[in-house]
Amino acid sequence: MLQMVWKSGGDEQVLDLLDTPEIVLVQFCETILRHQDLRNPDARQMLQEIITALKVKAEKEPVDHIAFNRHDLKENIAYVEDLLRQFDQ
């Protein structure tokens, strides 16, 4: 299971993806898309885990200080899932 390390000052905290703010998940997803080769199964696995966490968050009302429009978030999730399906074939 993929987890995020959150550093605040001198403190470090390990968060499950569902506890990670959605803006961090979206940025991490964009970074993977931009800098990783999706033919790499590890990159696809990381992306799939992030998308799964984002899907759960998209079904709930936003609780983060910075939240995405739910419609746009769901469209972005669908786009990444389509990409993953193309590379899994």
PDB file of N, CA and C in Angstrom:
ATOM      1  N   MET A   1       0.838  -1.182   0.000  1.00  0.00           N
ATOM      2  CA  MET A   1       0.000   0.000   0.000  1.00  0.00           C
ATOM      3  C   MET A   1       0.881   1.243   0.000  1.00  0.00           C
ATOM      4  N   LEU A   2       0.571   2.133  -0.875  1.00  0.00           N
ATOM      5  CA  LEU A   2       1.296   3.383  -1.003  1.00  0.00           C
ATOM      6  C   LEU A   2       0.903   4.327   0.128  1.00  0.00           C
ATOM      7  N   GLN A   3       1.889   5.007   0.715  1.00  0.00           N
ATOM      8  CA  GLN A   3       1.637   5.980   1.767  1.00  0.00           C
ATOM      9  C   GLN A   3       2.437   7.236   1.465  1.00  0.00           C
ATOM     10  N   MET A   4       2.022   8.340   2.064  1.00  0.00           N
ATOM     11  CA  MET A   4       2.729   9.608   1.891  1.00  0.00           C
ATOM     12  C   MET A   4       3.426   9.969   3.189  1.00  0.00           C
ATOM     13  N   VAL A   5       4.599  10.558   3.074  1.00  0.00           N
ATOM     14  CA  VAL A   5       5.307  11.077   4.243  1.00  0.00           C
ATOM     15  C   VAL A   5       5.078  12.579   4.258  1.00  0.00           C
ATOM     16  N   TRP A   6       4.540  13.051   5.357  1.00  0.00           N
ATOM     17  CA  TRP A   6       4.192  14.469   5.511  1.00  0.00           C
ATOM     18  C   TRP A   6       5.168  15.078   6.498  1.00  0.00           C
ATOM     19  N   LYS A   7       5.931  16.095   6.070  1.00  0.00           N
ATOM     20  CA  LYS A   7       6.892  16.753   6.946  1.00  0.00           C
ATOM     21  C   LYS A   7       6.392  18.154   7.262  1.00  0.00           C
ATOM     22  N   SER A   8       6.356  18.459   8.540  1.00  0.00           N
ATOM     23  CA  SER A   8       5.957  19.783   8.997  1.00  0.00           C
ATOM     24  C   SER A   8       6.989  20.233  10.017  1.00  0.00           C
ATOM     25  N   GLY A   9       7.808  21.186   9.617  1.00  0.00           N
ATOM     26  CA  GLY A   9       8.885  21.599  10.496  1.00  0.00           C
ATOM     27  C   GLY A   9       9.842  20.448  10.723  1.00  0.00           C
ATOM     28  N   GLY A  10      10.035  20.060  11.981  1.00  0.00           N
ATOM     29  CA  GLY A  10      10.906  18.946  12.301  1.00  0.00           C
ATOM     30  C   GLY A  10      10.156  17.640  12.452  1.00  0.00           C
ATOM     31  N   ASP A  11       8.827  17.703  12.385  1.00  0.00           N
ATOM     32  CA  ASP A  11       8.011  16.502  12.560  1.00  0.00           C
ATOM     33  C   ASP A  11       7.769  15.812  11.229  1.00  0.00           C
ATOM     34  N   GLU A  12       7.702  14.491  11.305  1.00  0.00           N
ATOM     35  CA  GLU A  12       7.418  13.690  10.121  1.00  0.00           C
ATOM     36  C   GLU A  12       6.273  12.744  10.458  1.00  0.00           C
ATOM     37  N   GLN A  13       5.307  12.649   9.551  1.00  0.00           N
ATOM     38  CA  GLN A  13       4.132  11.814   9.775  1.00  0.00           C
ATOM     39  C   GLN A  13       3.865  10.998   8.509  1.00  0.00           C
ATOM     40  N   VAL A  14       3.570   9.721   8.673  1.00  0.00           N
ATOM     41  CA  VAL A  14       3.231   8.859   7.545  1.00  0.00           C
ATOM     42  C   VAL A  14       1.718   8.789   7.453  1.00  0.00           C
ATOM     43  N   LEU A  15       1.186   9.150   6.284  1.00  0.00           N
ATOM     44  CA  LEU A  15      -0.258   9.192   6.080  1.00  0.00           C
ATOM     45  C   LEU A  15      -0.689   8.151   5.053  1.00  0.00           C
ATOM     46  N   ASP A  16      -1.813   7.514   5.314  1.00  0.00           N
ATOM     47  CA  ASP A  16      -2.436   6.701   4.277  1.00  0.00           C
ATOM     48  C   ASP A  16      -2.936   7.654   3.203  1.00  0.00           C
ATOM     49  N   LEU A  17      -3.128   7.157   2.006  1.00  0.00           N
ATOM     50  CA  LEU A  17      -3.556   8.027   0.913  1.00  0.00           C
ATOM     51  C   LEU A  17      -4.890   8.705   1.198  1.00  0.00           C
ATOM     52  N   LEU A  18      -5.793   8.015   1.886  1.00  0.00           N
ATOM     53  CA  LEU A  18      -7.095   8.625   2.175  1.00  0.00           C
ATOM     54  C   LEU A  18      -6.986   9.773   3.161  1.00  0.00           C
ATOM     55  N   ASP A  19      -5.918   9.815   3.946  1.00  0.00           N
ATOM     56  CA  ASP A  19      -5.711  10.898   4.902  1.00  0.00           C
ATOM     57  C   ASP A  19      -4.909  12.046   4.302  1.00  0.00           C
ATOM     58  N   THR A  20      -4.375  11.845   3.117  1.00  0.00           N
ATOM     59  CA  THR A  20      -3.561  12.851   2.446  1.00  0.00           C
ATOM     60  C   THR A  20      -4.480  13.886   1.784  1.00  0.00           C
ATOM     61  N   PRO A  21      -4.175  15.174   1.916  1.00  0.00           N
ATOM     62  CA  PRO A  21      -5.011  16.190   1.254  1.00  0.00           C
ATOM     63  C   PRO A  21      -5.107  15.936  -0.252  1.00  0.00           C
ATOM     64  N   GLU A  22      -6.291  16.183  -0.801  1.00  0.00           N
ATOM     65  CA  GLU A  22      -6.508  15.863  -2.215  1.00  0.00           C
ATOM     66  C   GLU A  22      -5.627  16.671  -3.145  1.00  0.00           C
ATOM     67  N   ILE A  23      -5.258  17.880  -2.767  1.00  0.00           N
ATOM     68  CA  ILE A  23      -4.389  18.673  -3.644  1.00  0.00           C
ATOM     69  C   ILE A  23      -3.025  18.002  -3.786  1.00  0.00           C
ATOM     70  N   VAL A  24      -2.546  17.367  -2.715  1.00  0.00           N
ATOM     71  CA  VAL A  24      -1.264  16.665  -2.768  1.00  0.00           C
ATOM     72  C   VAL A  24      -1.385  15.449  -3.680  1.00  0.00           C
ATOM     73  N   LEU A  25      -2.512  14.731  -3.566  1.00  0.00           N
ATOM     74  CA  LEU A  25      -2.724  13.568  -4.412  1.00  0.00           C
ATOM     75  C   LEU A  25      -2.797  13.954  -5.890  1.00  0.00           C
ATOM     76  N   VAL A  26      -3.499  15.028  -6.179  1.00  0.00           N
ATOM     77  CA  VAL A  26      -3.626  15.478  -7.571  1.00  0.00           C
ATOM     78  C   VAL A  26      -2.264  15.898  -8.117  1.00  0.00           C
ATOM     79  N   GLN A  27      -1.497  16.629  -7.321  1.00  0.00           N
ATOM     80  CA  GLN A  27      -0.173  17.051  -7.778  1.00  0.00           C
ATOM     81  C   GLN A  27       0.759  15.866  -7.984  1.00  0.00           C
ATOM     82  N   PHE A  28       0.694  14.879  -7.097  1.00  0.00           N
ATOM     83  CA  PHE A  28       1.523  13.690  -7.235  1.00  0.00           C
ATOM     84  C   PHE A  28       1.129  12.914  -8.487  1.00  0.00           C
ATOM     85  N   CYS A  29      -0.163  12.827  -8.742  1.00  0.00           N
ATOM     86  CA  CYS A  29      -0.672  12.161  -9.940  1.00  0.00           C
ATOM     87  C   CYS A  29      -0.150  12.870 -11.194  1.00  0.00           C
ATOM     88  N   GLU A  30      -0.211  14.188 -11.214  1.00  0.00           N
ATOM     89  CA  GLU A  30       0.282  14.962 -12.362  1.00  0.00           C
ATOM     90  C   GLU A  30       1.785  14.772 -12.545  1.00  0.00           C
ATOM     91  N   THR A  31       2.515  14.676 -11.437  1.00  0.00           N
ATOM     92  CA  THR A  31       3.960  14.471 -11.513  1.00  0.00           C
ATOM     93  C   THR A  31       4.280  13.117 -12.123  1.00  0.00           C
ATOM     94  N   ILE A  32       3.550  12.096 -11.719  1.00  0.00           N
ATOM     95  CA  ILE A  32       3.770  10.767 -12.289  1.00  0.00           C
ATOM     96  C   ILE A  32       3.472  10.785 -13.786  1.00  0.00           C
ATOM     97  N   LEU A  33       2.371  11.416 -14.174  1.00  0.00           N
ATOM     98  CA  LEU A  33       2.017  11.479 -15.596  1.00  0.00           C
ATOM     99  C   LEU A  33       3.069  12.226 -16.408  1.00  0.00           C
ATOM    100  N   ARG A  34       3.653  13.226 -15.825  1.00  0.00           N
ATOM    101  CA  ARG A  34       4.610  14.061 -16.533  1.00  0.00           C
ATOM    102  C   ARG A  34       6.000  13.433 -16.609  1.00  0.00           C
ATOM    103  N   HIS A  35       6.399  12.712 -15.554  1.00  0.00           N
ATOM    104  CA  HIS A  35       7.797  12.303 -15.458  1.00  0.00           C
ATOM    105  C   HIS A  35       8.039  10.797 -15.467  1.00  0.00           C
ATOM    106  N   GLN A  36       7.003  10.000 -15.500  1.00  0.00           N
ATOM    107  CA  GLN A  36       7.188   8.551 -15.486  1.00  0.00           C
ATOM    108  C   GLN A  36       6.708   7.951 -16.810  1.00  0.00           C
ATOM    109  N   ASP A  37       7.318   6.862 -17.172  1.00  0.00           N
ATOM    110  CA  ASP A  37       6.913   6.112 -18.355  1.00  0.00           C
ATOM    111  C   ASP A  37       5.796   5.164 -17.924  1.00  0.00           C
ATOM    112  N   LEU A  38       4.612   5.329 -18.482  1.00  0.00           N
ATOM    113  CA  LEU A  38       3.465   4.518 -18.065  1.00  0.00           C
ATOM    114  C   LEU A  38       3.558   3.076 -18.548  1.00  0.00           C
ATOM    115  N   ARG A  39       4.573   2.758 -19.317  1.00  0.00           N
ATOM    116  CA  ARG A  39       4.814   1.353 -19.644  1.00  0.00           C
ATOM    117  C   ARG A  39       5.404   0.622 -18.439  1.00  0.00           C
ATOM    118  N   ASN A  40       5.921   1.380 -17.487  1.00  0.00           N
ATOM    119  CA  ASN A  40       6.478   0.823 -16.264  1.00  0.00           C
ATOM    120  C   ASN A  40       5.327   0.406 -15.331  1.00  0.00           C
ATOM    121  N   PRO A  41       5.225  -0.877 -14.986  1.00  0.00           N
ATOM    122  CA  PRO A  41       4.120  -1.343 -14.139  1.00  0.00           C
ATOM    123  C   PRO A  41       4.101  -0.689 -12.754  1.00  0.00           C
ATOM    124  N   ASP A  42       5.277  -0.342 -12.218  1.00  0.00           N
ATOM    125  CA  ASP A  42       5.320   0.308 -10.903  1.00  0.00           C
ATOM    126  C   ASP A  42       4.691   1.696 -10.954  1.00  0.00           C
ATOM    127  N   ALA A  43       4.958   2.433 -12.016  1.00  0.00           N
ATOM    128  CA  ALA A  43       4.363   3.763 -12.179  1.00  0.00           C
ATOM    129  C   ALA A  43       2.849   3.644 -12.309  1.00  0.00           C
ATOM    130  N   ARG A  44       2.388   2.665 -13.083  1.00  0.00           N
ATOM    131  CA  ARG A  44       0.938   2.462 -13.225  1.00  0.00           C
ATOM    132  C   ARG A  44       0.305   2.061 -11.902  1.00  0.00           C
ATOM    133  N   GLN A  45       1.004   1.244 -11.118  1.00  0.00           N
ATOM    134  CA  GLN A  45       0.477   0.823  -9.817  1.00  0.00           C
ATOM    135  C   GLN A  45       0.347   2.018  -8.869  1.00  0.00           C
ATOM    136  N   MET A  46       1.378   2.862  -8.829  1.00  0.00           N
ATOM    137  CA  MET A  46       1.300   4.063  -7.983  1.00  0.00           C
ATOM    138  C   MET A  46       0.140   4.938  -8.412  1.00  0.00           C
ATOM    139  N   LEU A  47       0.017   5.146  -9.712  1.00  0.00           N
ATOM    140  CA  LEU A  47      -1.056   5.973 -10.251  1.00  0.00           C
ATOM    141  C   LEU A  47      -2.425   5.379  -9.911  1.00  0.00           C
ATOM    142  N   GLN A  48      -2.559   4.072 -10.017  1.00  0.00           N
ATOM    143  CA  GLN A  48      -3.832   3.413  -9.711  1.00  0.00           C
ATOM    144  C   GLN A  48      -4.202   3.589  -8.238  1.00  0.00           C
ATOM    145  N   GLU A  49      -3.232   3.489  -7.342  1.00  0.00           N
ATOM    146  CA  GLU A  49      -3.513   3.657  -5.921  1.00  0.00           C
ATOM    147  C   GLU A  49      -3.936   5.087  -5.606  1.00  0.00           C
ATOM    148  N   ILE A  50      -3.298   6.047  -6.250  1.00  0.00           N
ATOM    149  CA  ILE A  50      -3.672   7.452  -6.037  1.00  0.00           C
ATOM    150  C   ILE A  50      -5.078   7.706  -6.577  1.00  0.00           C
ATOM    151  N   ILE A  51      -5.371   7.181  -7.758  1.00  0.00           N
ATOM    152  CA  ILE A  51      -6.691   7.362  -8.362  1.00  0.00           C
ATOM    153  C   ILE A  51      -7.772   6.725  -7.492  1.00  0.00           C
ATOM    154  N   THR A  52      -7.488   5.580  -6.919  1.00  0.00           N
ATOM    155  CA  THR A  52      -8.449   4.922  -6.037  1.00  0.00           C
ATOM    156  C   THR A  52      -8.753   5.802  -4.826  1.00  0.00           C
ATOM    157  N   ALA A  53      -7.728   6.385  -4.238  1.00  0.00           N
ATOM    158  CA  ALA A  53      -7.930   7.290  -3.099  1.00  0.00           C
ATOM    159  C   ALA A  53      -8.706   8.530  -3.525  1.00  0.00           C
ATOM    160  N   LEU A  54      -8.390   9.073  -4.699  1.00  0.00           N
ATOM    161  CA  LEU A  54      -9.108  10.256  -5.183  1.00  0.00           C
ATOM    162  C   LEU A  54     -10.578   9.948  -5.469  1.00  0.00           C
ATOM    163  N   LYS A  55     -10.871   8.739  -5.955  1.00  0.00           N
ATOM    164  CA  LYS A  55     -12.258   8.355  -6.222  1.00  0.00           C
ATOM    165  C   LYS A  55     -13.072   8.353  -4.921  1.00  0.00           C
ATOM    166  N   VAL A  56     -12.470   7.855  -3.860  1.00  0.00           N
ATOM    167  CA  VAL A  56     -13.149   7.852  -2.558  1.00  0.00           C
ATOM    168  C   VAL A  56     -13.390   9.287  -2.101  1.00  0.00           C
ATOM    169  N   LYS A  57     -12.383  10.128  -2.245  1.00  0.00           N
ATOM    170  CA  LYS A  57     -12.524  11.532  -1.829  1.00  0.00           C
ATOM    171  C   LYS A  57     -13.540  12.275  -2.695  1.00  0.00           C
ATOM    172  N   ALA A  58     -13.614  11.940  -3.982  1.00  0.00           N
ATOM    173  CA  ALA A  58     -14.523  12.637  -4.897  1.00  0.00           C
ATOM    174  C   ALA A  58     -15.988  12.359  -4.574  1.00  0.00           C
ATOM    175  N   GLU A  59     -16.261  11.237  -3.921  1.00  0.00           N
ATOM    176  CA  GLU A  59     -17.641  10.886  -3.572  1.00  0.00           C
ATOM    177  C   GLU A  59     -18.111  11.599  -2.307  1.00  0.00           C
ATOM    178  N   LYS A  60     -17.192  12.186  -1.564  1.00  0.00           N
ATOM    179  CA  LYS A  60     -17.529  12.865  -0.311  1.00  0.00           C
ATOM    180  C   LYS A  60     -17.493  14.371  -0.512  1.00  0.00           C
ATOM    181  N   GLU A  61     -18.106  15.072   0.411  1.00  0.00           N
ATOM    182  CA  GLU A  61     -17.997  16.527   0.412  1.00  0.00           C
ATOM    183  C   GLU A  61     -16.564  16.901   0.776  1.00  0.00           C
ATOM    184  N   PRO A  62     -16.038  17.979   0.191  1.00  0.00           N
ATOM    185  CA  PRO A  62     -14.649  18.367   0.481  1.00  0.00           C
ATOM    186  C   PRO A  62     -14.466  18.728   1.952  1.00  0.00           C
ATOM    187  N   VAL A  63     -13.373  18.254   2.527  1.00  0.00           N
ATOM    188  CA  VAL A  63     -13.044  18.584   3.904  1.00  0.00           C
ATOM    189  C   VAL A  63     -11.710  19.323   3.995  1.00  0.00           C
ATOM    190  N   ASP A  64     -10.961  19.348   2.903  1.00  0.00           N
ATOM    191  CA  ASP A  64      -9.676  20.046   2.883  1.00  0.00           C
ATOM    192  C   ASP A  64      -9.904  21.539   2.707  1.00  0.00           C
ATOM    193  N   HIS A  65      -8.905  22.310   3.114  1.00  0.00           N
ATOM    194  CA  HIS A  65      -8.995  23.755   2.932  1.00  0.00           C
ATOM    195  C   HIS A  65      -9.012  24.127   1.451  1.00  0.00           C
ATOM    196  N   ILE A  66      -8.241  23.383   0.682  1.00  0.00           N
ATOM    197  CA  ILE A  66      -8.220  23.591  -0.761  1.00  0.00           C
ATOM    198  C   ILE A  66      -8.831  22.348  -1.385  1.00  0.00           C
ATOM    199  N   ALA A  67      -9.984  22.511  -2.018  1.00  0.00           N
ATOM    200  CA  ALA A  67     -10.684  21.358  -2.596  1.00  0.00           C
ATOM    201  C   ALA A  67     -10.991  21.640  -4.064  1.00  0.00           C
ATOM    202  N   PHE A  68     -11.026  20.584  -4.832  1.00  0.00           N
ATOM    203  CA  PHE A  68     -11.335  20.683  -6.248  1.00  0.00           C
ATOM    204  C   PHE A  68     -12.837  20.576  -6.462  1.00  0.00           C
ATOM    205  N   ASN A  69     -13.296  21.178  -7.534  1.00  0.00           N
ATOM    206  CA  ASN A  69     -14.671  20.998  -7.968  1.00  0.00           C
ATOM    207  C   ASN A  69     -14.873  19.517  -8.213  1.00  0.00           C
ATOM    208  N   ARG A  70     -15.919  18.939  -7.627  1.00  0.00           N
ATOM    209  CA  ARG A  70     -16.113  17.494  -7.696  1.00  0.00           C
ATOM    210  C   ARG A  70     -16.314  16.992  -9.126  1.00  0.00           C
ATOM    211  N   HIS A  71     -16.999  17.764  -9.947  1.00  0.00           N
ATOM    212  CA  HIS A  71     -17.213  17.368 -11.341  1.00  0.00           C
ATOM    213  C   HIS A  71     -15.876  17.297 -12.085  1.00  0.00           C
ATOM    214  N   ASP A  72     -15.044  18.326 -11.930  1.00  0.00           N
ATOM    215  CA  ASP A  72     -13.734  18.347 -12.589  1.00  0.00           C
ATOM    216  C   ASP A  72     -12.830  17.233 -12.068  1.00  0.00           C
ATOM    217  N   LEU A  73     -12.891  16.987 -10.767  1.00  0.00           N
ATOM    218  CA  LEU A  73     -12.076  15.935 -10.180  1.00  0.00           C
ATOM    219  C   LEU A  73     -12.461  14.576 -10.747  1.00  0.00           C
ATOM    220  N   LYS A  74     -13.755  14.328 -10.872  1.00  0.00           N
ATOM    221  CA  LYS A  74     -14.220  13.051 -11.426  1.00  0.00           C
ATOM    222  C   LYS A  74     -13.832  12.905 -12.900  1.00  0.00           C
ATOM    223  N   GLU A  75     -13.863  14.004 -13.659  1.00  0.00           N
ATOM    224  CA  GLU A  75     -13.429  13.955 -15.065  1.00  0.00           C
ATOM    225  C   GLU A  75     -11.944  13.626 -15.165  1.00  0.00           C
ATOM    226  N   ASN A  76     -11.135  14.224 -14.294  1.00  0.00           N
ATOM    227  CA  ASN A  76      -9.694  13.948 -14.296  1.00  0.00           C
ATOM    228  C   ASN A  76      -9.418  12.498 -13.921  1.00  0.00           C
ATOM    229  N   ILE A  77     -10.165  11.980 -12.964  1.00  0.00           N
ATOM    230  CA  ILE A  77     -10.014  10.581 -12.566  1.00  0.00           C
ATOM    231  C   ILE A  77     -10.339   9.665 -13.744  1.00  0.00           C
ATOM    232  N   ALA A  78     -11.433   9.955 -14.441  1.00  0.00           N
ATOM    233  CA  ALA A  78     -11.830   9.147 -15.599  1.00  0.00           C
ATOM    234  C   ALA A  78     -10.756   9.194 -16.689  1.00  0.00           C
ATOM    235  N   TYR A  79     -10.164  10.358 -16.911  1.00  0.00           N
ATOM    236  CA  TYR A  79      -9.099  10.502 -17.911  1.00  0.00           C
ATOM    237  C   TYR A  79      -7.906   9.609 -17.569  1.00  0.00           C
ATOM    238  N   VAL A  80      -7.480   9.635 -16.309  1.00  0.00           N
ATOM    239  CA  VAL A  80      -6.322   8.834 -15.895  1.00  0.00           C
ATOM    240  C   VAL A  80      -6.661   7.347 -15.959  1.00  0.00           C
ATOM    241  N   GLU A  81      -7.873   6.981 -15.585  1.00  0.00           N
ATOM    242  CA  GLU A  81      -8.276   5.574 -15.680  1.00  0.00           C
ATOM    243  C   GLU A  81      -8.262   5.095 -17.133  1.00  0.00           C
ATOM    244  N   ASP A  82      -8.681   5.942 -18.061  1.00  0.00           N
ATOM    245  CA  ASP A  82      -8.613   5.600 -19.483  1.00  0.00           C
ATOM    246  C   ASP A  82      -7.165   5.386 -19.928  1.00  0.00           C
ATOM    247  N   LEU A  83      -6.276   6.261 -19.487  1.00  0.00           N
ATOM    248  CA  LEU A  83      -4.857   6.101 -19.810  1.00  0.00           C
ATOM    249  C   LEU A  83      -4.323   4.776 -19.274  1.00  0.00           C
ATOM    250  N   LEU A  84      -4.674   4.468 -18.032  1.00  0.00           N
ATOM    251  CA  LEU A  84      -4.190   3.230 -17.435  1.00  0.00           C
ATOM    252  C   LEU A  84      -4.716   2.017 -18.193  1.00  0.00           C
ATOM    253  N   ARG A  85      -5.974   2.061 -18.628  1.00  0.00           N
ATOM    254  CA  ARG A  85      -6.535   0.951 -19.398  1.00  0.00           C
ATOM    255  C   ARG A  85      -5.787   0.769 -20.721  1.00  0.00           C
ATOM    256  N   GLN A  86      -5.425   1.874 -21.368  1.00  0.00           N
ATOM    257  CA  GLN A  86      -4.702   1.795 -22.626  1.00  0.00           C
ATOM    258  C   GLN A  86      -3.339   1.116 -22.438  1.00  0.00           C
ATOM    259  N   PHE A  87      -2.661   1.410 -21.348  1.00  0.00           N
ATOM    260  CA  PHE A  87      -1.333   0.833 -21.125  1.00  0.00           C
ATOM    261  C   PHE A  87      -1.417  -0.581 -20.571  1.00  0.00           C
ATOM    262  N   ASP A  88      -2.542  -0.966 -20.003  1.00  0.00           N
ATOM    263  CA  ASP A  88      -2.694  -2.324 -19.497  1.00  0.00           C
ATOM    264  C   ASP A  88      -2.997  -3.317 -20.607  1.00  0.00           C
ATOM    265  N   GLN A  89      -3.392  -2.827 -21.766  1.00  0.00           N
ATOM    266  CA  GLN A  89      -3.740  -3.728 -22.876  1.00  0.00           C
ATOM    267  C   GLN A  89      -2.510  -4.218 -23.599  1.00  0.00           C
TER     268      GLN A  89
END
